[in-house]
Amino acid sequence: MNKITIYLTQTCGFCHAAKRLLEKSGISYYEIDISSDLKGREEMMKKSNGMRTVPQIFANNKHVGGFYELYILQQSGGLEKLLKD
């Protein structure tokens, strides 16, 4: 099953933009709010090689990056390819 995971905070504009992009594309996702979830924050940093900014997005456990990288991937058709893997 294809899985998108987004580590985010509720006050992050780029996090909301990433969610809107996925919703508009009809792609479901799982979100982890790291605002007060220290274990979630640690997990995000470990999986993303130390990145501390949000959103951090993963597709099928592969690190995509943040909103900008997700947008570029979606625009180029690469997101669909990644989700087919």
N, C-alpha and C. Protein backbone atom coordinates (compact mmCIF):
# COMPACT_ATOMS: atom_id res chain seq x y z
N MET A 1 0.85 -1.19 0.00
CA MET A 1 0.00 0.00 0.00
C MET A 1 0.89 1.25 0.00
N ASN A 2 0.52 2.22 -0.82
CA ASN A 2 1.26 3.47 -0.87
C ASN A 2 0.97 4.28 0.37
N LYS A 3 2.02 4.90 0.88
CA LYS A 3 1.86 5.62 2.13
C LYS A 3 2.66 6.91 2.10
N ILE A 4 1.99 8.01 2.38
CA ILE A 4 2.64 9.31 2.54
C ILE A 4 2.54 9.66 4.01
N THR A 5 3.65 10.03 4.60
CA THR A 5 3.68 10.49 5.98
C THR A 5 4.23 11.90 5.99
N ILE A 6 3.54 12.79 6.70
CA ILE A 6 3.97 14.18 6.84
C ILE A 6 4.17 14.49 8.31
N TYR A 7 5.38 14.89 8.65
CA TYR A 7 5.66 15.41 9.98
C TYR A 7 5.42 16.91 9.90
N LEU A 8 4.60 17.44 10.82
CA LEU A 8 4.19 18.83 10.71
C LEU A 8 3.89 19.45 12.05
N THR A 9 3.61 20.75 12.01
CA THR A 9 3.04 21.46 13.15
C THR A 9 1.79 22.17 12.65
N GLN A 10 0.88 22.46 13.54
CA GLN A 10 -0.39 23.06 13.14
C GLN A 10 -0.25 24.51 12.70
N THR A 11 0.82 25.18 13.07
CA THR A 11 0.99 26.59 12.73
C THR A 11 1.86 26.81 11.49
N CYS A 12 2.24 25.75 10.81
CA CYS A 12 3.14 25.82 9.66
C CYS A 12 2.36 25.98 8.36
N GLY A 13 2.54 27.11 7.69
CA GLY A 13 1.87 27.36 6.43
C GLY A 13 2.27 26.38 5.33
N PHE A 14 3.55 26.02 5.28
CA PHE A 14 4.01 25.07 4.27
C PHE A 14 3.44 23.68 4.52
N CYS A 15 3.20 23.35 5.77
CA CYS A 15 2.58 22.06 6.12
C CYS A 15 1.16 22.01 5.57
N HIS A 16 0.42 23.09 5.76
CA HIS A 16 -0.95 23.16 5.25
C HIS A 16 -0.96 23.13 3.72
N ALA A 17 0.01 23.79 3.10
CA ALA A 17 0.09 23.78 1.64
C ALA A 17 0.38 22.37 1.13
N ALA A 18 1.25 21.63 1.81
CA ALA A 18 1.55 20.26 1.40
C ALA A 18 0.30 19.38 1.50
N LYS A 19 -0.44 19.54 2.57
CA LYS A 19 -1.67 18.77 2.74
C LYS A 19 -2.67 19.10 1.64
N ARG A 20 -2.82 20.39 1.31
CA ARG A 20 -3.75 20.79 0.24
C ARG A 20 -3.32 20.21 -1.10
N LEU A 21 -2.02 20.22 -1.39
CA LEU A 21 -1.52 19.67 -2.64
C LEU A 21 -1.86 18.19 -2.76
N LEU A 22 -1.63 17.44 -1.69
CA LEU A 22 -1.94 16.02 -1.70
C LEU A 22 -3.44 15.78 -1.82
N GLU A 23 -4.23 16.53 -1.09
CA GLU A 23 -5.69 16.37 -1.13
C GLU A 23 -6.21 16.69 -2.53
N LYS A 24 -5.69 17.75 -3.14
CA LYS A 24 -6.11 18.13 -4.49
C LYS A 24 -5.73 17.05 -5.50
N SER A 25 -4.64 16.35 -5.25
CA SER A 25 -4.20 15.27 -6.12
C SER A 25 -4.87 13.94 -5.81
N GLY A 26 -5.71 13.92 -4.76
CA GLY A 26 -6.40 12.70 -4.39
C GLY A 26 -5.51 11.68 -3.71
N ILE A 27 -4.44 12.15 -3.08
CA ILE A 27 -3.49 11.26 -2.41
C ILE A 27 -3.71 11.34 -0.91
N SER A 28 -3.95 10.19 -0.29
CA SER A 28 -4.15 10.17 1.16
C SER A 28 -2.80 10.21 1.85
N TYR A 29 -2.81 10.63 3.09
CA TYR A 29 -1.57 10.77 3.85
C TYR A 29 -1.86 10.57 5.33
N TYR A 30 -0.79 10.32 6.05
CA TYR A 30 -0.83 10.19 7.50
C TYR A 30 0.01 11.32 8.06
N GLU A 31 -0.52 12.05 9.02
CA GLU A 31 0.24 13.17 9.58
C GLU A 31 0.63 12.92 11.02
N ILE A 32 1.82 13.41 11.35
CA ILE A 32 2.33 13.33 12.71
C ILE A 32 2.66 14.74 13.15
N ASP A 33 1.88 15.26 14.10
CA ASP A 33 2.08 16.60 14.62
C ASP A 33 3.18 16.56 15.68
N ILE A 34 4.31 17.16 15.37
CA ILE A 34 5.45 17.10 16.28
C ILE A 34 5.52 18.31 17.21
N SER A 35 4.45 19.11 17.25
CA SER A 35 4.44 20.30 18.11
C SER A 35 4.80 19.95 19.55
N SER A 36 4.21 18.89 20.06
CA SER A 36 4.50 18.50 21.45
C SER A 36 4.87 17.02 21.55
N ASP A 37 5.11 16.39 20.41
CA ASP A 37 5.45 14.96 20.38
C ASP A 37 6.96 14.83 20.21
N LEU A 38 7.69 14.74 21.33
CA LEU A 38 9.14 14.68 21.27
C LEU A 38 9.65 13.41 20.59
N LYS A 39 8.97 12.30 20.80
CA LYS A 39 9.37 11.05 20.13
C LYS A 39 9.16 11.17 18.62
N GLY A 40 8.06 11.79 18.23
CA GLY A 40 7.81 12.01 16.81
C GLY A 40 8.85 12.92 16.19
N ARG A 41 9.25 13.95 16.90
CA ARG A 41 10.29 14.87 16.41
C ARG A 41 11.61 14.14 16.24
N GLU A 42 11.97 13.34 17.24
CA GLU A 42 13.21 12.56 17.16
C GLU A 42 13.17 11.59 15.99
N GLU A 43 12.04 10.93 15.81
CA GLU A 43 11.87 9.99 14.71
C GLU A 43 12.04 10.70 13.37
N MET A 44 11.41 11.89 13.23
CA MET A 44 11.51 12.67 12.01
C MET A 44 12.96 13.04 11.72
N MET A 45 13.66 13.51 12.74
CA MET A 45 15.05 13.93 12.55
C MET A 45 15.94 12.74 12.16
N LYS A 46 15.68 11.61 12.75
CA LYS A 46 16.47 10.42 12.42
C LYS A 46 16.22 9.99 10.98
N LYS A 47 14.95 9.94 10.59
CA LYS A 47 14.60 9.50 9.24
C LYS A 47 15.04 10.48 8.16
N SER A 48 15.15 11.78 8.52
CA SER A 48 15.47 12.81 7.52
C SER A 48 16.92 13.29 7.63
N ASN A 49 17.76 12.51 8.27
CA ASN A 49 19.18 12.87 8.42
C ASN A 49 19.39 14.21 9.13
N GLY A 50 18.63 14.42 10.20
CA GLY A 50 18.84 15.58 11.05
C GLY A 50 18.03 16.82 10.72
N MET A 51 17.17 16.76 9.72
CA MET A 51 16.35 17.93 9.38
C MET A 51 15.42 18.27 10.54
N ARG A 52 15.33 19.56 10.84
CA ARG A 52 14.50 20.01 11.95
C ARG A 52 13.28 20.80 11.50
N THR A 53 13.25 21.20 10.24
CA THR A 53 12.16 22.02 9.74
C THR A 53 10.97 21.15 9.34
N VAL A 54 9.82 21.75 9.33
CA VAL A 54 8.61 21.07 8.88
C VAL A 54 8.04 21.81 7.68
N PRO A 55 7.35 21.10 6.82
CA PRO A 55 7.08 19.67 6.89
C PRO A 55 8.27 18.85 6.43
N GLN A 56 8.31 17.63 6.90
CA GLN A 56 9.21 16.61 6.35
C GLN A 56 8.28 15.52 5.84
N ILE A 57 8.42 15.21 4.57
CA ILE A 57 7.48 14.33 3.88
C ILE A 57 8.19 13.07 3.40
N PHE A 58 7.52 11.95 3.60
CA PHE A 58 8.05 10.65 3.19
C PHE A 58 7.00 9.94 2.35
N ALA A 59 7.44 9.34 1.25
CA ALA A 59 6.56 8.54 0.40
C ALA A 59 7.12 7.13 0.36
N ASN A 60 6.33 6.18 0.83
CA ASN A 60 6.78 4.79 0.92
C ASN A 60 8.13 4.70 1.63
N ASN A 61 8.25 5.43 2.72
CA ASN A 61 9.44 5.47 3.56
C ASN A 61 10.67 6.08 2.89
N LYS A 62 10.49 6.72 1.75
CA LYS A 62 11.59 7.44 1.09
C LYS A 62 11.42 8.93 1.38
N HIS A 63 12.48 9.58 1.81
CA HIS A 63 12.43 10.98 2.16
C HIS A 63 12.25 11.83 0.90
N VAL A 64 11.15 12.57 0.86
CA VAL A 64 10.88 13.47 -0.25
C VAL A 64 11.50 14.83 0.03
N GLY A 65 11.36 15.31 1.26
CA GLY A 65 11.84 16.63 1.64
C GLY A 65 10.69 17.43 2.21
N GLY A 66 10.68 18.72 1.91
CA GLY A 66 9.64 19.62 2.39
C GLY A 66 8.60 19.90 1.32
N PHE A 67 7.84 20.98 1.51
CA PHE A 67 6.78 21.31 0.57
C PHE A 67 7.31 21.56 -0.83
N TYR A 68 8.38 22.34 -0.92
CA TYR A 68 8.90 22.69 -2.24
C TYR A 68 9.29 21.44 -3.03
N GLU A 69 9.98 20.52 -2.39
CA GLU A 69 10.38 19.28 -3.06
C GLU A 69 9.17 18.44 -3.45
N LEU A 70 8.15 18.41 -2.58
CA LEU A 70 6.92 17.70 -2.90
C LEU A 70 6.25 18.33 -4.12
N TYR A 71 6.20 19.66 -4.16
CA TYR A 71 5.57 20.37 -5.27
C TYR A 71 6.27 20.05 -6.59
N ILE A 72 7.61 20.14 -6.59
CA ILE A 72 8.38 19.85 -7.80
C ILE A 72 8.16 18.40 -8.23
N LEU A 73 8.18 17.49 -7.29
CA LEU A 73 7.97 16.07 -7.59
C LEU A 73 6.59 15.83 -8.18
N GLN A 74 5.59 16.48 -7.62
CA GLN A 74 4.22 16.33 -8.11
C GLN A 74 4.07 16.93 -9.51
N GLN A 75 4.65 18.09 -9.73
CA GLN A 75 4.54 18.76 -11.02
C GLN A 75 5.24 17.98 -12.14
N SER A 76 6.32 17.31 -11.80
CA SER A 76 7.10 16.57 -12.81
C SER A 76 6.56 15.16 -13.06
N GLY A 77 5.57 14.75 -12.28
CA GLY A 77 5.03 13.39 -12.42
C GLY A 77 5.80 12.37 -11.60
N GLY A 78 6.83 12.82 -10.90
CA GLY A 78 7.66 11.91 -10.12
C GLY A 78 6.96 11.34 -8.90
N LEU A 79 6.00 12.08 -8.34
CA LEU A 79 5.30 11.59 -7.17
C LEU A 79 4.49 10.34 -7.51
N GLU A 80 3.80 10.37 -8.64
CA GLU A 80 3.04 9.19 -9.06
C GLU A 80 3.95 7.99 -9.25
N LYS A 81 5.12 8.22 -9.86
CA LYS A 81 6.08 7.14 -10.07
C LYS A 81 6.57 6.59 -8.75
N LEU A 82 6.87 7.49 -7.81
CA LEU A 82 7.35 7.07 -6.50
C LEU A 82 6.31 6.25 -5.75
N LEU A 83 5.05 6.64 -5.89
CA LEU A 83 3.98 5.92 -5.20
C LEU A 83 3.68 4.56 -5.83
N LYS A 84 4.09 4.35 -7.07
CA LYS A 84 3.90 3.06 -7.73
C LYS A 84 4.95 2.05 -7.33
N ASP A 85 6.07 2.53 -6.77
CA ASP A 85 7.16 1.63 -6.34
C ASP A 85 6.71 0.73 -5.21
